[in-house]
Amino acid sequence: MKKRQIVVRRDRSGRCSDTSASTYGSVRYRECQKNHAANMGGHAVDGCREFMASGVEGTAAAFTCAACGCHRNFHRREVDTEVVCESS
């Protein structure tokens, strides 16, 4: 009987003791962190909570947020890594 262990973590520091491990990752872009008042010496963000692509994957519009109009790089990147270890 094969046992399957699934570990979900936010960093890649952990190791699996077995050699038959698979790593799966997904990336989500969260709240916008663009400082709209930087040229005046202040700090103001627009309140956009999560990145929503304006266009289809593979087009230039996919990098622009439909909610706030900012580029995807201004949104906080969140990586979820899932490591699957199979042992017998």
PDB file of N, CA and C in Angstrom:
ATOM      1  N   MET A   1       0.834  -1.179   0.000  1.00  0.00           N
ATOM      2  CA  MET A   1       0.000   0.000   0.000  1.00  0.00           C
ATOM      3  C   MET A   1       0.880   1.245   0.000  1.00  0.00           C
ATOM      4  N   LYS A   2       0.582   2.186  -0.895  1.00  0.00           N
ATOM      5  CA  LYS A   2       1.345   3.411  -0.986  1.00  0.00           C
ATOM      6  C   LYS A   2       0.727   4.478  -0.103  1.00  0.00           C
ATOM      7  N   LYS A   3       1.587   5.193   0.613  1.00  0.00           N
ATOM      8  CA  LYS A   3       1.138   6.311   1.423  1.00  0.00           C
ATOM      9  C   LYS A   3       1.493   7.587   0.692  1.00  0.00           C
ATOM     10  N   ARG A   4       0.656   8.569   0.836  1.00  0.00           N
ATOM     11  CA  ARG A   4       0.895   9.841   0.175  1.00  0.00           C
ATOM     12  C   ARG A   4       0.796  10.950   1.205  1.00  0.00           C
ATOM     13  N   GLN A   5       1.822  11.774   1.251  1.00  0.00           N
ATOM     14  CA  GLN A   5       1.871  12.871   2.194  1.00  0.00           C
ATOM     15  C   GLN A   5       1.928  14.174   1.409  1.00  0.00           C
ATOM     16  N   ILE A   6       1.046  15.097   1.738  1.00  0.00           N
ATOM     17  CA  ILE A   6       1.014  16.392   1.063  1.00  0.00           C
ATOM     18  C   ILE A   6       1.356  17.461   2.082  1.00  0.00           C
ATOM     19  N   VAL A   7       2.340  18.276   1.726  1.00  0.00           N
ATOM     20  CA  VAL A   7       2.781  19.360   2.596  1.00  0.00           C
ATOM     21  C   VAL A   7       2.621  20.659   1.825  1.00  0.00           C
ATOM     22  N   VAL A   8       1.907  21.614   2.408  1.00  0.00           N
ATOM     23  CA  VAL A   8       1.739  22.917   1.785  1.00  0.00           C
ATOM     24  C   VAL A   8       2.528  23.917   2.614  1.00  0.00           C
ATOM     25  N   ARG A   9       3.452  24.646   1.951  1.00  0.00           N
ATOM     26  CA  ARG A   9       4.266  25.625   2.662  1.00  0.00           C
ATOM     27  C   ARG A   9       4.512  26.841   1.789  1.00  0.00           C
ATOM     28  N   ARG A  10       4.908  27.920   2.417  1.00  0.00           N
ATOM     29  CA  ARG A  10       5.126  29.182   1.719  1.00  0.00           C
ATOM     30  C   ARG A  10       6.573  29.372   1.285  1.00  0.00           C
ATOM     31  N   ASP A  11       7.500  28.607   1.826  1.00  0.00           N
ATOM     32  CA  ASP A  11       8.897  28.741   1.420  1.00  0.00           C
ATOM     33  C   ASP A  11       9.423  27.394   0.938  1.00  0.00           C
ATOM     34  N   ARG A  12      10.588  27.397   0.357  1.00  0.00           N
ATOM     35  CA  ARG A  12      11.156  26.182  -0.226  1.00  0.00           C
ATOM     36  C   ARG A  12      12.281  25.613   0.619  1.00  0.00           C
ATOM     37  N   SER A  13      12.304  25.899   1.908  1.00  0.00           N
ATOM     38  CA  SER A  13      13.413  25.475   2.751  1.00  0.00           C
ATOM     39  C   SER A  13      13.318  24.016   3.169  1.00  0.00           C
ATOM     40  N   GLY A  14      12.120  23.447   3.212  1.00  0.00           N
ATOM     41  CA  GLY A  14      11.954  22.068   3.668  1.00  0.00           C
ATOM     42  C   GLY A  14      12.354  21.058   2.615  1.00  0.00           C
ATOM     43  N   ARG A  15      12.769  19.898   3.055  1.00  0.00           N
ATOM     44  CA  ARG A  15      13.166  18.817   2.150  1.00  0.00           C
ATOM     45  C   ARG A  15      12.314  17.595   2.450  1.00  0.00           C
ATOM     46  N   CYS A  16      12.105  16.791   1.445  1.00  0.00           N
ATOM     47  CA  CYS A  16      11.375  15.547   1.597  1.00  0.00           C
ATOM     48  C   CYS A  16      12.401  14.421   1.702  1.00  0.00           C
ATOM     49  N   SER A  17      12.185  13.495   2.610  1.00  0.00           N
ATOM     50  CA  SER A  17      13.183  12.451   2.844  1.00  0.00           C
ATOM     51  C   SER A  17      13.219  11.417   1.720  1.00  0.00           C
ATOM     52  N   ASP A  18      12.159  11.297   0.979  1.00  0.00           N
ATOM     53  CA  ASP A  18      12.087  10.306  -0.092  1.00  0.00           C
ATOM     54  C   ASP A  18      12.515  10.934  -1.418  1.00  0.00           C
ATOM     55  N   THR A  19      13.049  10.144  -2.315  1.00  0.00           N
ATOM     56  CA  THR A  19      13.515  10.667  -3.599  1.00  0.00           C
ATOM     57  C   THR A  19      12.382  10.872  -4.586  1.00  0.00           C
ATOM     58  N   SER A  20      11.226  10.267  -4.362  1.00  0.00           N
ATOM     59  CA  SER A  20      10.109  10.410  -5.293  1.00  0.00           C
ATOM     60  C   SER A  20       9.164  11.517  -4.811  1.00  0.00           C
ATOM     61  N   ALA A  21       9.624  12.755  -4.929  1.00  0.00           N
ATOM     62  CA  ALA A  21       8.830  13.901  -4.509  1.00  0.00           C
ATOM     63  C   ALA A  21       8.559  14.797  -5.713  1.00  0.00           C
ATOM     64  N   SER A  22       7.371  15.363  -5.753  1.00  0.00           N
ATOM     65  CA  SER A  22       6.989  16.290  -6.805  1.00  0.00           C
ATOM     66  C   SER A  22       6.632  17.622  -6.171  1.00  0.00           C
ATOM     67  N   THR A  23       7.022  18.706  -6.821  1.00  0.00           N
ATOM     68  CA  THR A  23       6.729  20.032  -6.319  1.00  0.00           C
ATOM     69  C   THR A  23       5.818  20.749  -7.303  1.00  0.00           C
ATOM     70  N   TYR A  24       4.739  21.312  -6.778  1.00  0.00           N
ATOM     71  CA  TYR A  24       3.792  22.067  -7.581  1.00  0.00           C
ATOM     72  C   TYR A  24       3.661  23.445  -6.964  1.00  0.00           C
ATOM     73  N   GLY A  25       3.606  24.456  -7.785  1.00  0.00           N
ATOM     74  CA  GLY A  25       3.498  25.811  -7.269  1.00  0.00           C
ATOM     75  C   GLY A  25       2.446  26.612  -8.005  1.00  0.00           C
ATOM     76  N   SER A  26       1.839  27.532  -7.297  1.00  0.00           N
ATOM     77  CA  SER A  26       0.896  28.444  -7.917  1.00  0.00           C
ATOM     78  C   SER A  26       1.203  29.848  -7.413  1.00  0.00           C
ATOM     79  N   VAL A  27       1.033  30.817  -8.282  1.00  0.00           N
ATOM     80  CA  VAL A  27       1.333  32.204  -7.955  1.00  0.00           C
ATOM     81  C   VAL A  27       0.048  33.008  -8.025  1.00  0.00           C
ATOM     82  N   ARG A  28      -0.177  33.806  -6.984  1.00  0.00           N
ATOM     83  CA  ARG A  28      -1.316  34.723  -6.972  1.00  0.00           C
ATOM     84  C   ARG A  28      -0.791  36.115  -6.669  1.00  0.00           C
ATOM     85  N   TYR A  29      -1.405  37.107  -7.257  1.00  0.00           N
ATOM     86  CA  TYR A  29      -1.021  38.489  -7.010  1.00  0.00           C
ATOM     87  C   TYR A  29      -2.116  39.135  -6.177  1.00  0.00           C
ATOM     88  N   ARG A  30      -1.739  39.677  -5.038  1.00  0.00           N
ATOM     89  CA  ARG A  30      -2.685  40.196  -4.063  1.00  0.00           C
ATOM     90  C   ARG A  30      -2.814  41.720  -4.157  1.00  0.00           C
ATOM     91  N   GLU A  31      -2.848  42.418  -3.028  1.00  0.00           N
ATOM     92  CA  GLU A  31      -3.151  43.846  -2.998  1.00  0.00           C
ATOM     93  C   GLU A  31      -2.075  44.680  -3.702  1.00  0.00           C
ATOM     94  N   CYS A  32      -2.539  45.788  -4.257  1.00  0.00           N
ATOM     95  CA  CYS A  32      -1.663  46.706  -4.976  1.00  0.00           C
ATOM     96  C   CYS A  32      -0.856  47.517  -3.972  1.00  0.00           C
ATOM     97  N   GLN A  33       0.450  47.655  -4.238  1.00  0.00           N
ATOM     98  CA  GLN A  33       1.322  48.386  -3.340  1.00  0.00           C
ATOM     99  C   GLN A  33       1.931  49.623  -3.999  1.00  0.00           C
ATOM    100  N   LYS A  34       1.340  50.062  -5.103  1.00  0.00           N
ATOM    101  CA  LYS A  34       1.865  51.231  -5.801  1.00  0.00           C
ATOM    102  C   LYS A  34       1.614  52.482  -4.965  1.00  0.00           C
ATOM    103  N   ASN A  35       2.661  53.268  -4.773  1.00  0.00           N
ATOM    104  CA  ASN A  35       2.577  54.508  -4.011  1.00  0.00           C
ATOM    105  C   ASN A  35       2.209  55.636  -4.970  1.00  0.00           C
ATOM    106  N   HIS A  36       0.966  56.093  -4.915  1.00  0.00           N
ATOM    107  CA  HIS A  36       0.493  57.127  -5.830  1.00  0.00           C
ATOM    108  C   HIS A  36       0.928  58.537  -5.406  1.00  0.00           C
ATOM    109  N   ALA A  37       1.419  58.687  -4.188  1.00  0.00           N
ATOM    110  CA  ALA A  37       1.835  60.002  -3.699  1.00  0.00           C
ATOM    111  C   ALA A  37       3.354  60.110  -3.557  1.00  0.00           C
ATOM    112  N   ALA A  38       4.096  59.275  -4.235  1.00  0.00           N
ATOM    113  CA  ALA A  38       5.555  59.257  -4.102  1.00  0.00           C
ATOM    114  C   ALA A  38       6.189  60.554  -4.604  1.00  0.00           C
ATOM    115  N   ASN A  39       5.647  61.134  -5.660  1.00  0.00           N
ATOM    116  CA  ASN A  39       6.241  62.366  -6.196  1.00  0.00           C
ATOM    117  C   ASN A  39       6.037  63.558  -5.271  1.00  0.00           C
ATOM    118  N   MET A  40       5.092  63.475  -4.318  1.00  0.00           N
ATOM    119  CA  MET A  40       4.868  64.550  -3.347  1.00  0.00           C
ATOM    120  C   MET A  40       5.534  64.247  -2.003  1.00  0.00           C
ATOM    121  N   GLY A  41       6.193  63.109  -1.887  1.00  0.00           N
ATOM    122  CA  GLY A  41       6.866  62.745  -0.644  1.00  0.00           C
ATOM    123  C   GLY A  41       5.971  62.042   0.356  1.00  0.00           C
ATOM    124  N   GLY A  42       4.801  61.629  -0.066  1.00  0.00           N
ATOM    125  CA  GLY A  42       3.863  60.954   0.842  1.00  0.00           C
ATOM    126  C   GLY A  42       3.729  59.481   0.513  1.00  0.00           C
ATOM    127  N   HIS A  43       2.739  58.871   1.108  1.00  0.00           N
ATOM    128  CA  HIS A  43       2.453  57.456   0.846  1.00  0.00           C
ATOM    129  C   HIS A  43       0.942  57.263   0.774  1.00  0.00           C
ATOM    130  N   ALA A  44       0.454  56.839  -0.376  1.00  0.00           N
ATOM    131  CA  ALA A  44      -0.975  56.593  -0.558  1.00  0.00           C
ATOM    132  C   ALA A  44      -1.148  55.449  -1.546  1.00  0.00           C
ATOM    133  N   VAL A  45      -1.892  54.440  -1.145  1.00  0.00           N
ATOM    134  CA  VAL A  45      -2.204  53.319  -2.039  1.00  0.00           C
ATOM    135  C   VAL A  45      -3.669  53.413  -2.421  1.00  0.00           C
ATOM    136  N   ASP A  46      -4.039  52.771  -3.533  1.00  0.00           N
ATOM    137  CA  ASP A  46      -5.399  52.923  -4.052  1.00  0.00           C
ATOM    138  C   ASP A  46      -6.424  51.974  -3.438  1.00  0.00           C
ATOM    139  N   GLY A  47      -6.006  50.962  -2.706  1.00  0.00           N
ATOM    140  CA  GLY A  47      -6.950  50.063  -2.050  1.00  0.00           C
ATOM    141  C   GLY A  47      -7.359  48.863  -2.873  1.00  0.00           C
ATOM    142  N   CYS A  48      -6.726  48.639  -4.014  1.00  0.00           N
ATOM    143  CA  CYS A  48      -7.030  47.457  -4.827  1.00  0.00           C
ATOM    144  C   CYS A  48      -6.621  46.214  -4.045  1.00  0.00           C
ATOM    145  N   ARG A  49      -7.525  45.275  -3.844  1.00  0.00           N
ATOM    146  CA  ARG A  49      -7.291  44.132  -2.977  1.00  0.00           C
ATOM    147  C   ARG A  49      -6.654  42.934  -3.680  1.00  0.00           C
ATOM    148  N   GLU A  50      -6.899  42.757  -4.974  1.00  0.00           N
ATOM    149  CA  GLU A  50      -6.336  41.608  -5.682  1.00  0.00           C
ATOM    150  C   GLU A  50      -6.239  41.906  -7.169  1.00  0.00           C
ATOM    151  N   PHE A  51      -5.186  41.399  -7.791  1.00  0.00           N
ATOM    152  CA  PHE A  51      -4.941  41.599  -9.216  1.00  0.00           C
ATOM    153  C   PHE A  51      -5.956  40.814 -10.046  1.00  0.00           C
ATOM    154  N   MET A  52      -6.575  41.498 -11.001  1.00  0.00           N
ATOM    155  CA  MET A  52      -7.454  40.857 -11.982  1.00  0.00           C
ATOM    156  C   MET A  52      -6.959  41.269 -13.361  1.00  0.00           C
ATOM    157  N   ALA A  53      -6.570  40.300 -14.158  1.00  0.00           N
ATOM    158  CA  ALA A  53      -6.008  40.598 -15.479  1.00  0.00           C
ATOM    159  C   ALA A  53      -7.053  41.254 -16.378  1.00  0.00           C
ATOM    160  N   SER A  54      -6.616  42.261 -17.140  1.00  0.00           N
ATOM    161  CA  SER A  54      -7.508  42.955 -18.066  1.00  0.00           C
ATOM    162  C   SER A  54      -7.753  42.169 -19.342  1.00  0.00           C
ATOM    163  N   GLY A  55      -6.797  41.325 -19.711  1.00  0.00           N
ATOM    164  CA  GLY A  55      -6.915  40.599 -20.966  1.00  0.00           C
ATOM    165  C   GLY A  55      -6.642  39.123 -20.798  1.00  0.00           C
ATOM    166  N   VAL A  56      -6.584  38.440 -21.914  1.00  0.00           N
ATOM    167  CA  VAL A  56      -6.366  37.006 -21.953  1.00  0.00           C
ATOM    168  C   VAL A  56      -4.886  36.700 -21.734  1.00  0.00           C
ATOM    169  N   GLU A  57      -4.600  35.561 -21.120  1.00  0.00           N
ATOM    170  CA  GLU A  57      -3.220  35.113 -20.886  1.00  0.00           C
ATOM    171  C   GLU A  57      -2.453  35.089 -22.199  1.00  0.00           C
ATOM    172  N   GLY A  58      -1.256  35.661 -22.197  1.00  0.00           N
ATOM    173  CA  GLY A  58      -0.427  35.689 -23.400  1.00  0.00           C
ATOM    174  C   GLY A  58      -0.491  37.003 -24.142  1.00  0.00           C
ATOM    175  N   THR A  59      -1.359  37.911 -23.728  1.00  0.00           N
ATOM    176  CA  THR A  59      -1.438  39.226 -24.370  1.00  0.00           C
ATOM    177  C   THR A  59      -0.828  40.272 -23.443  1.00  0.00           C
ATOM    178  N   ALA A  60      -0.571  41.459 -23.964  1.00  0.00           N
ATOM    179  CA  ALA A  60      -0.004  42.539 -23.157  1.00  0.00           C
ATOM    180  C   ALA A  60      -0.987  43.020 -22.098  1.00  0.00           C
ATOM    181  N   ALA A  61      -2.276  42.908 -22.376  1.00  0.00           N
ATOM    182  CA  ALA A  61      -3.296  43.346 -21.425  1.00  0.00           C
ATOM    183  C   ALA A  61      -3.373  42.449 -20.194  1.00  0.00           C
ATOM    184  N   ALA A  62      -2.795  41.266 -20.259  1.00  0.00           N
ATOM    185  CA  ALA A  62      -2.821  40.348 -19.111  1.00  0.00           C
ATOM    186  C   ALA A  62      -1.952  40.847 -17.962  1.00  0.00           C
ATOM    187  N   PHE A  63      -1.071  41.806 -18.218  1.00  0.00           N
ATOM    188  CA  PHE A  63      -0.200  42.353 -17.179  1.00  0.00           C
ATOM    189  C   PHE A  63      -0.774  43.606 -16.527  1.00  0.00           C
ATOM    190  N   THR A  64      -1.941  44.064 -16.974  1.00  0.00           N
ATOM    191  CA  THR A  64      -2.582  45.251 -16.429  1.00  0.00           C
ATOM    192  C   THR A  64      -3.782  44.843 -15.592  1.00  0.00           C
ATOM    193  N   CYS A  65      -3.901  45.424 -14.401  1.00  0.00           N
ATOM    194  CA  CYS A  65      -5.004  45.106 -13.498  1.00  0.00           C
ATOM    195  C   CYS A  65      -6.284  45.795 -13.975  1.00  0.00           C
ATOM    196  N   ALA A  66      -7.369  45.048 -14.050  1.00  0.00           N
ATOM    197  CA  ALA A  66      -8.648  45.603 -14.476  1.00  0.00           C
ATOM    198  C   ALA A  66      -9.242  46.519 -13.409  1.00  0.00           C
ATOM    199  N   ALA A  67      -8.906  46.301 -12.146  1.00  0.00           N
ATOM    200  CA  ALA A  67      -9.485  47.089 -11.060  1.00  0.00           C
ATOM    201  C   ALA A  67      -8.805  48.443 -10.886  1.00  0.00           C
ATOM    202  N   CYS A  68      -7.461  48.468 -10.903  1.00  0.00           N
ATOM    203  CA  CYS A  68      -6.758  49.723 -10.598  1.00  0.00           C
ATOM    204  C   CYS A  68      -5.949  50.274 -11.768  1.00  0.00           C
ATOM    205  N   GLY A  69      -5.700  49.480 -12.797  1.00  0.00           N
ATOM    206  CA  GLY A  69      -4.958  49.948 -13.957  1.00  0.00           C
ATOM    207  C   GLY A  69      -3.452  49.865 -13.820  1.00  0.00           C
ATOM    208  N   CYS A  70      -2.961  49.342 -12.709  1.00  0.00           N
ATOM    209  CA  CYS A  70      -1.519  49.225 -12.477  1.00  0.00           C
ATOM    210  C   CYS A  70      -0.969  47.956 -13.129  1.00  0.00           C
ATOM    211  N   HIS A  71       0.346  47.939 -13.328  1.00  0.00           N
ATOM    212  CA  HIS A  71       1.015  46.746 -13.835  1.00  0.00           C
ATOM    213  C   HIS A  71       1.031  45.673 -12.750  1.00  0.00           C
ATOM    214  N   ARG A  72       1.098  44.437 -13.158  1.00  0.00           N
ATOM    215  CA  ARG A  72       1.077  43.302 -12.235  1.00  0.00           C
ATOM    216  C   ARG A  72       2.221  43.347 -11.219  1.00  0.00           C
ATOM    217  N   ASN A  73       3.357  43.936 -11.583  1.00  0.00           N
ATOM    218  CA  ASN A  73       4.508  44.000 -10.676  1.00  0.00           C
ATOM    219  C   ASN A  73       4.250  44.846  -9.429  1.00  0.00           C
ATOM    220  N   PHE A  74       3.258  45.733  -9.462  1.00  0.00           N
ATOM    221  CA  PHE A  74       2.946  46.535  -8.285  1.00  0.00           C
ATOM    222  C   PHE A  74       2.145  45.749  -7.246  1.00  0.00           C
ATOM    223  N   HIS A  75       1.624  44.611  -7.604  1.00  0.00           N
ATOM    224  CA  HIS A  75       0.829  43.801  -6.687  1.00  0.00           C
ATOM    225  C   HIS A  75       1.722  42.805  -5.948  1.00  0.00           C
ATOM    226  N   ARG A  76       1.407  42.596  -4.656  1.00  0.00           N
ATOM    227  CA  ARG A  76       2.197  41.681  -3.823  1.00  0.00           C
ATOM    228  C   ARG A  76       2.058  40.259  -4.355  1.00  0.00           C
ATOM    229  N   ARG A  77       3.192  39.615  -4.591  1.00  0.00           N
ATOM    230  CA  ARG A  77       3.223  38.260  -5.149  1.00  0.00           C
ATOM    231  C   ARG A  77       3.176  37.241  -4.009  1.00  0.00           C
ATOM    232  N   GLU A  78       2.292  36.271  -4.124  1.00  0.00           N
ATOM    233  CA  GLU A  78       2.151  35.217  -3.117  1.00  0.00           C
ATOM    234  C   GLU A  78       2.318  33.871  -3.811  1.00  0.00           C
ATOM    235  N   VAL A  79       3.317  33.105  -3.365  1.00  0.00           N
ATOM    236  CA  VAL A  79       3.611  31.806  -3.973  1.00  0.00           C
ATOM    237  C   VAL A  79       3.215  30.708  -2.997  1.00  0.00           C
ATOM    238  N   ASP A  80       2.354  29.812  -3.432  1.00  0.00           N
ATOM    239  CA  ASP A  80       1.988  28.633  -2.656  1.00  0.00           C
ATOM    240  C   ASP A  80       2.695  27.437  -3.278  1.00  0.00           C
ATOM    241  N   THR A  81       3.483  26.731  -2.483  1.00  0.00           N
ATOM    242  CA  THR A  81       4.213  25.572  -2.961  1.00  0.00           C
ATOM    243  C   THR A  81       3.660  24.331  -2.296  1.00  0.00           C
ATOM    244  N   GLU A  82       3.394  23.325  -3.107  1.00  0.00           N
ATOM    245  CA  GLU A  82       2.885  22.061  -2.594  1.00  0.00           C
ATOM    246  C   GLU A  82       3.888  20.962  -2.948  1.00  0.00           C
ATOM    247  N   VAL A  83       4.387  20.268  -1.944  1.00  0.00           N
ATOM    248  CA  VAL A  83       5.341  19.183  -2.142  1.00  0.00           C
ATOM    249  C   VAL A  83       4.623  17.876  -1.839  1.00  0.00           C
ATOM    250  N   VAL A  84       4.619  16.976  -2.799  1.00  0.00           N
ATOM    251  CA  VAL A  84       3.973  15.679  -2.630  1.00  0.00           C
ATOM    252  C   VAL A  84       5.054  14.620  -2.500  1.00  0.00           C
ATOM    253  N   CYS A  85       5.091  13.935  -1.357  1.00  0.00           N
ATOM    254  CA  CYS A  85       6.064  12.875  -1.104  1.00  0.00           C
ATOM    255  C   CYS A  85       5.334  11.532  -1.113  1.00  0.00           C
ATOM    256  N   GLU A  86       5.786  10.641  -1.938  1.00  0.00           N
ATOM    257  CA  GLU A  86       5.170   9.310  -1.991  1.00  0.00           C
ATOM    258  C   GLU A  86       6.155   8.293  -1.447  1.00  0.00           C
ATOM    259  N   SER A  87       5.678   7.479  -0.529  1.00  0.00           N
ATOM    260  CA  SER A  87       6.517   6.429   0.046  1.00  0.00           C
ATOM    261  C   SER A  87       5.715   5.135   0.119  1.00  0.00           C
ATOM    262  N   SER A  88       6.420   4.023   0.175  1.00  0.00           N
ATOM    263  CA  SER A  88       5.721   2.754   0.229  1.00  0.00           C
ATOM    264  C   SER A  88       5.886   2.086   1.574  1.00  0.00           C
TER     265      SER A  88
END
